[in-house]
């Protein structure tokens, strides 16, 4: 998940809480609990997403939101991941790379998931 460069993990947690998602912040990452499932959100401090991203993908992200911060979202169920993404993209421009062929606006990703 990519958001504007100035967004930090504490703001992500605040947004999740405002959206009714329970959170626990430890060791620099958020455990987000919702509807009986859990997702973990952490800043990509090691640059994994940038290293693994293709140049055209990274250019697309930058073209959509400019300078960005990347956050890795690991999850037990796709429903909790979608809820996290919906909360975040309701506040900031957000791009999703789902590692399954989609990279683009989070709202477009969520619309595809509903179908």
N, C-alpha and C. Protein backbone atom coordinates (compact mmCIF):
# COMPACT_ATOMS: atom_id res chain seq x y z
N UNK A 1 0.85 -1.15 0.00
CA UNK A 1 0.00 0.00 0.00
C UNK A 1 0.91 1.22 0.00
N UNK A 2 0.60 2.17 -0.87
CA UNK A 2 1.38 3.39 -1.00
C UNK A 2 0.50 4.58 -0.67
N UNK A 3 1.02 5.48 0.15
CA UNK A 3 0.33 6.70 0.54
C UNK A 3 1.28 7.88 0.37
N UNK A 4 0.79 9.12 0.45
CA UNK A 4 1.70 10.26 0.31
C UNK A 4 2.85 10.20 1.33
N UNK A 5 3.96 10.76 0.92
CA UNK A 5 5.22 10.68 1.65
C UNK A 5 5.14 11.13 3.11
N UNK A 6 4.28 12.07 3.42
CA UNK A 6 4.25 12.61 4.78
C UNK A 6 3.38 11.82 5.75
N UNK A 7 2.72 10.78 5.30
CA UNK A 7 1.87 9.96 6.17
C UNK A 7 2.75 9.01 6.98
N UNK A 8 2.53 8.99 8.30
CA UNK A 8 3.32 8.13 9.19
C UNK A 8 2.42 7.09 9.86
N UNK A 9 3.04 6.09 10.43
CA UNK A 9 2.32 4.95 11.00
C UNK A 9 1.33 5.37 12.10
N UNK A 10 1.68 6.38 12.89
CA UNK A 10 0.78 6.83 13.95
C UNK A 10 -0.52 7.40 13.36
N UNK A 11 -0.41 8.07 12.23
CA UNK A 11 -1.61 8.59 11.56
C UNK A 11 -2.46 7.46 11.00
N UNK A 12 -1.80 6.42 10.53
CA UNK A 12 -2.52 5.24 10.06
C UNK A 12 -3.32 4.64 11.21
N UNK A 13 -2.68 4.50 12.37
CA UNK A 13 -3.37 3.95 13.53
C UNK A 13 -4.56 4.83 13.92
N UNK A 14 -4.36 6.14 13.97
CA UNK A 14 -5.46 7.04 14.31
C UNK A 14 -6.64 6.87 13.36
N UNK A 15 -6.33 6.73 12.09
CA UNK A 15 -7.38 6.57 11.08
C UNK A 15 -8.15 5.27 11.27
N UNK A 16 -7.42 4.20 11.58
CA UNK A 16 -8.07 2.90 11.81
C UNK A 16 -8.99 2.98 13.03
N UNK A 17 -8.50 3.59 14.10
CA UNK A 17 -9.32 3.74 15.30
C UNK A 17 -10.58 4.55 15.01
N UNK A 18 -10.44 5.62 14.26
CA UNK A 18 -11.59 6.46 13.90
C UNK A 18 -12.61 5.69 13.05
N UNK A 19 -12.13 4.65 12.40
CA UNK A 19 -12.99 3.83 11.54
C UNK A 19 -13.57 2.61 12.27
N UNK A 20 -13.35 2.56 13.60
CA UNK A 20 -13.91 1.47 14.39
C UNK A 20 -13.11 0.18 14.36
N UNK A 21 -11.86 0.28 13.95
CA UNK A 21 -10.99 -0.90 13.89
C UNK A 21 -10.10 -0.89 15.13
N UNK A 22 -10.12 -1.96 15.91
CA UNK A 22 -9.27 -2.06 17.10
C UNK A 22 -7.81 -2.21 16.67
N UNK A 23 -6.92 -1.54 17.40
CA UNK A 23 -5.51 -1.62 17.04
C UNK A 23 -4.64 -1.85 18.27
N UNK A 24 -3.51 -2.43 18.03
CA UNK A 24 -2.47 -2.58 19.04
C UNK A 24 -1.16 -2.24 18.34
N UNK A 25 -0.44 -1.25 18.86
CA UNK A 25 0.80 -0.79 18.23
C UNK A 25 1.98 -1.32 19.04
N UNK A 26 2.80 -2.15 18.40
CA UNK A 26 3.99 -2.72 19.04
C UNK A 26 5.10 -2.88 18.03
N UNK A 27 6.30 -2.61 18.49
CA UNK A 27 7.49 -2.84 17.66
C UNK A 27 7.38 -2.21 16.28
N UNK A 28 6.76 -1.02 16.21
CA UNK A 28 6.69 -0.30 14.96
C UNK A 28 5.65 -0.79 13.98
N UNK A 29 4.76 -1.68 14.41
CA UNK A 29 3.70 -2.13 13.51
C UNK A 29 2.37 -2.19 14.24
N UNK A 30 1.32 -2.12 13.46
CA UNK A 30 -0.04 -2.12 13.99
C UNK A 30 -0.65 -3.50 13.75
N UNK A 31 -1.25 -4.04 14.79
CA UNK A 31 -2.12 -5.20 14.64
C UNK A 31 -3.54 -4.64 14.65
N UNK A 32 -4.25 -4.79 13.55
CA UNK A 32 -5.60 -4.25 13.40
C UNK A 32 -6.60 -5.40 13.43
N UNK A 33 -7.51 -5.36 14.39
CA UNK A 33 -8.51 -6.41 14.55
C UNK A 33 -9.86 -5.90 14.10
N UNK A 34 -10.53 -6.71 13.27
CA UNK A 34 -11.85 -6.31 12.78
C UNK A 34 -12.62 -7.56 12.37
N UNK A 35 -13.86 -7.66 12.83
CA UNK A 35 -14.77 -8.75 12.46
C UNK A 35 -14.14 -10.13 12.67
N UNK A 36 -13.43 -10.28 13.78
CA UNK A 36 -12.87 -11.58 14.12
C UNK A 36 -11.59 -11.95 13.39
N UNK A 37 -11.01 -11.01 12.68
CA UNK A 37 -9.77 -11.30 11.96
C UNK A 37 -8.75 -10.22 12.26
N UNK A 38 -7.56 -10.38 11.71
CA UNK A 38 -6.47 -9.46 12.02
C UNK A 38 -5.63 -9.18 10.77
N UNK A 39 -5.13 -7.95 10.72
CA UNK A 39 -4.16 -7.55 9.70
C UNK A 39 -3.03 -6.83 10.41
N UNK A 40 -1.85 -6.94 9.85
CA UNK A 40 -0.69 -6.25 10.40
C UNK A 40 -0.22 -5.23 9.39
N UNK A 41 -0.01 -4.01 9.85
CA UNK A 41 0.42 -2.92 8.97
C UNK A 41 1.73 -2.40 9.51
N UNK A 42 2.73 -2.33 8.63
CA UNK A 42 4.00 -1.79 9.07
C UNK A 42 4.66 -1.01 7.94
N UNK A 43 5.41 0.03 8.33
CA UNK A 43 6.12 0.79 7.30
C UNK A 43 7.16 -0.11 6.63
N UNK A 44 7.35 0.11 5.37
CA UNK A 44 8.34 -0.66 4.61
C UNK A 44 9.71 -0.03 4.80
N UNK A 45 10.23 -0.12 6.02
CA UNK A 45 11.49 0.55 6.35
C UNK A 45 12.69 -0.07 5.63
N UNK A 46 12.58 -1.31 5.23
CA UNK A 46 13.70 -1.96 4.54
C UNK A 46 13.63 -1.80 3.03
N UNK A 47 12.60 -1.12 2.53
CA UNK A 47 12.51 -0.85 1.10
C UNK A 47 12.15 -2.06 0.25
N UNK A 48 11.50 -3.05 0.84
CA UNK A 48 11.15 -4.27 0.12
C UNK A 48 10.27 -3.99 -1.10
N UNK A 49 9.26 -3.13 -0.91
CA UNK A 49 8.33 -2.86 -2.01
C UNK A 49 9.03 -2.13 -3.16
N UNK A 50 9.95 -1.24 -2.81
CA UNK A 50 10.68 -0.53 -3.86
C UNK A 50 11.65 -1.46 -4.59
N UNK A 51 12.31 -2.35 -3.85
CA UNK A 51 13.23 -3.31 -4.46
C UNK A 51 12.51 -4.29 -5.37
N UNK A 52 11.35 -4.75 -4.93
CA UNK A 52 10.62 -5.76 -5.69
C UNK A 52 9.74 -5.18 -6.80
N UNK A 53 9.48 -3.88 -6.72
CA UNK A 53 8.63 -3.25 -7.72
C UNK A 53 9.35 -3.08 -9.05
N UNK A 54 8.61 -3.29 -10.11
CA UNK A 54 9.15 -3.04 -11.45
C UNK A 54 9.22 -1.53 -11.66
N UNK A 55 10.19 -1.07 -12.46
CA UNK A 55 10.31 0.38 -12.69
C UNK A 55 9.02 1.02 -13.19
N UNK A 56 8.28 0.33 -14.07
CA UNK A 56 7.03 0.91 -14.57
C UNK A 56 5.97 0.98 -13.48
N UNK A 57 5.96 0.01 -12.55
CA UNK A 57 5.01 0.03 -11.43
C UNK A 57 5.32 1.20 -10.50
N UNK A 58 6.59 1.37 -10.17
CA UNK A 58 6.99 2.46 -9.28
C UNK A 58 6.71 3.81 -9.93
N UNK A 59 6.91 3.91 -11.23
CA UNK A 59 6.60 5.14 -11.94
C UNK A 59 5.09 5.42 -11.91
N UNK A 60 4.28 4.37 -12.03
CA UNK A 60 2.84 4.52 -11.95
C UNK A 60 2.43 5.07 -10.58
N UNK A 61 2.98 4.48 -9.51
CA UNK A 61 2.65 4.94 -8.16
C UNK A 61 3.02 6.41 -8.01
N UNK A 62 4.23 6.76 -8.42
CA UNK A 62 4.67 8.14 -8.30
C UNK A 62 3.82 9.08 -9.16
N UNK A 63 3.40 8.62 -10.32
CA UNK A 63 2.54 9.42 -11.16
C UNK A 63 1.17 9.67 -10.54
N UNK A 64 0.70 8.73 -9.74
CA UNK A 64 -0.60 8.86 -9.10
C UNK A 64 -0.56 9.72 -7.85
N UNK A 65 0.44 9.49 -6.97
CA UNK A 65 0.43 10.20 -5.68
C UNK A 65 1.70 10.99 -5.40
N UNK A 66 2.63 11.02 -6.31
CA UNK A 66 3.87 11.76 -6.05
C UNK A 66 4.80 10.97 -5.15
N UNK A 67 5.60 11.67 -4.36
CA UNK A 67 6.48 10.97 -3.41
C UNK A 67 5.61 10.18 -2.45
N UNK A 68 6.06 8.98 -2.12
CA UNK A 68 5.21 8.08 -1.36
C UNK A 68 5.95 7.41 -0.21
N UNK A 69 5.16 6.93 0.74
CA UNK A 69 5.59 6.01 1.78
C UNK A 69 4.88 4.70 1.52
N UNK A 70 5.58 3.61 1.70
CA UNK A 70 4.98 2.29 1.50
C UNK A 70 4.73 1.63 2.86
N UNK A 71 3.60 0.96 2.93
CA UNK A 71 3.25 0.17 4.11
C UNK A 71 2.89 -1.23 3.64
N UNK A 72 3.43 -2.21 4.34
CA UNK A 72 3.13 -3.61 4.05
C UNK A 72 1.91 -4.00 4.88
N UNK A 73 0.94 -4.65 4.23
CA UNK A 73 -0.26 -5.13 4.92
C UNK A 73 -0.29 -6.65 4.77
N UNK A 74 -0.08 -7.33 5.89
CA UNK A 74 -0.24 -8.78 5.95
C UNK A 74 -1.56 -9.05 6.66
N UNK A 75 -2.23 -10.13 6.31
CA UNK A 75 -3.57 -10.33 6.86
C UNK A 75 -3.93 -11.81 6.91
N UNK A 76 -4.91 -12.08 7.77
CA UNK A 76 -5.46 -13.45 7.85
C UNK A 76 -6.59 -13.65 6.87
N UNK A 77 -7.44 -12.63 6.72
CA UNK A 77 -8.53 -12.73 5.75
C UNK A 77 -8.53 -11.47 4.88
N UNK A 78 -8.96 -11.63 3.66
CA UNK A 78 -8.99 -10.50 2.73
C UNK A 78 -9.98 -9.44 3.20
N UNK A 79 -11.01 -9.83 3.93
CA UNK A 79 -12.02 -8.88 4.41
C UNK A 79 -11.40 -7.85 5.35
N UNK A 80 -10.55 -8.29 6.27
CA UNK A 80 -9.93 -7.32 7.18
C UNK A 80 -8.95 -6.44 6.41
N UNK A 81 -8.24 -7.00 5.45
CA UNK A 81 -7.33 -6.19 4.64
C UNK A 81 -8.10 -5.14 3.86
N UNK A 82 -9.23 -5.52 3.27
CA UNK A 82 -10.05 -4.57 2.53
C UNK A 82 -10.58 -3.47 3.44
N UNK A 83 -10.94 -3.81 4.66
CA UNK A 83 -11.44 -2.82 5.62
C UNK A 83 -10.34 -1.83 5.98
N UNK A 84 -9.13 -2.32 6.17
CA UNK A 84 -7.99 -1.45 6.45
C UNK A 84 -7.75 -0.51 5.27
N UNK A 85 -7.72 -1.05 4.08
CA UNK A 85 -7.49 -0.24 2.88
C UNK A 85 -8.58 0.81 2.73
N UNK A 86 -9.83 0.42 2.94
CA UNK A 86 -10.95 1.37 2.81
C UNK A 86 -10.81 2.51 3.82
N UNK A 87 -10.41 2.20 5.04
CA UNK A 87 -10.23 3.25 6.05
C UNK A 87 -9.14 4.23 5.64
N UNK A 88 -8.05 3.70 5.16
CA UNK A 88 -6.91 4.54 4.82
C UNK A 88 -7.19 5.37 3.57
N UNK A 89 -7.77 4.76 2.55
CA UNK A 89 -8.01 5.52 1.32
C UNK A 89 -9.17 6.48 1.48
N UNK A 90 -9.93 6.38 2.56
CA UNK A 90 -10.94 7.37 2.85
C UNK A 90 -10.35 8.67 3.36
N UNK A 91 -9.09 8.64 3.72
CA UNK A 91 -8.41 9.83 4.26
C UNK A 91 -7.33 10.37 3.33
N UNK A 92 -6.55 9.49 2.71
CA UNK A 92 -5.43 9.90 1.86
C UNK A 92 -5.52 9.22 0.50
N UNK A 93 -4.91 9.84 -0.51
CA UNK A 93 -4.76 9.10 -1.76
C UNK A 93 -3.97 7.83 -1.46
N UNK A 94 -4.39 6.72 -2.01
CA UNK A 94 -3.78 5.44 -1.66
C UNK A 94 -3.74 4.55 -2.90
N UNK A 95 -2.60 3.92 -3.11
CA UNK A 95 -2.41 3.00 -4.22
C UNK A 95 -2.15 1.62 -3.64
N UNK A 96 -2.76 0.61 -4.25
CA UNK A 96 -2.60 -0.78 -3.81
C UNK A 96 -1.90 -1.57 -4.89
N UNK A 97 -0.94 -2.39 -4.46
CA UNK A 97 -0.34 -3.41 -5.31
C UNK A 97 -0.66 -4.73 -4.62
N UNK A 98 -1.56 -5.51 -5.20
CA UNK A 98 -2.01 -6.72 -4.51
C UNK A 98 -1.18 -7.96 -4.83
N UNK A 99 -0.06 -7.79 -5.52
CA UNK A 99 0.81 -8.92 -5.87
C UNK A 99 0.09 -9.99 -6.69
N UNK A 100 -1.04 -9.61 -7.27
CA UNK A 100 -1.78 -10.54 -8.10
C UNK A 100 -2.21 -9.87 -9.41
N UNK A 101 -1.38 -8.95 -9.85
CA UNK A 101 -1.63 -8.30 -11.14
C UNK A 101 -2.30 -6.95 -11.08
N UNK A 102 -2.78 -6.53 -9.92
CA UNK A 102 -3.42 -5.22 -9.83
C UNK A 102 -2.48 -4.23 -9.16
N UNK A 103 -2.36 -3.06 -9.76
CA UNK A 103 -1.71 -1.92 -9.12
C UNK A 103 -2.44 -0.67 -9.59
N UNK A 104 -2.95 0.08 -8.64
CA UNK A 104 -3.71 1.27 -8.97
C UNK A 104 -4.36 1.85 -7.74
N UNK A 105 -5.30 2.77 -7.99
CA UNK A 105 -6.01 3.42 -6.88
C UNK A 105 -6.69 2.40 -5.99
N UNK A 106 -6.62 2.61 -4.69
CA UNK A 106 -7.24 1.70 -3.73
C UNK A 106 -8.75 1.58 -3.97
N UNK A 107 -9.41 2.68 -4.31
CA UNK A 107 -10.85 2.62 -4.54
C UNK A 107 -11.18 1.72 -5.74
N UNK A 108 -10.35 1.76 -6.77
CA UNK A 108 -10.56 0.87 -7.92
C UNK A 108 -10.34 -0.59 -7.51
N UNK A 109 -9.33 -0.82 -6.69
CA UNK A 109 -9.08 -2.16 -6.17
C UNK A 109 -10.30 -2.67 -5.39
N UNK A 110 -10.83 -1.83 -4.50
CA UNK A 110 -11.96 -2.24 -3.68
C UNK A 110 -13.20 -2.49 -4.54
N UNK A 111 -13.42 -1.69 -5.57
CA UNK A 111 -14.56 -1.90 -6.47
C UNK A 111 -14.44 -3.24 -7.18
N UNK A 112 -13.22 -3.61 -7.58
CA UNK A 112 -13.01 -4.91 -8.24
C UNK A 112 -13.28 -6.06 -7.29
N UNK A 113 -12.98 -5.87 -6.01
CA UNK A 113 -13.17 -6.93 -5.02
C UNK A 113 -14.66 -7.18 -4.78
N UNK A 114 -15.47 -6.16 -4.90
CA UNK A 114 -16.91 -6.28 -4.64
C UNK A 114 -17.60 -7.10 -5.72
N UNK A 115 -17.10 -7.02 -6.94
CA UNK A 115 -17.74 -7.71 -8.06
C UNK A 115 -17.70 -9.20 -7.94
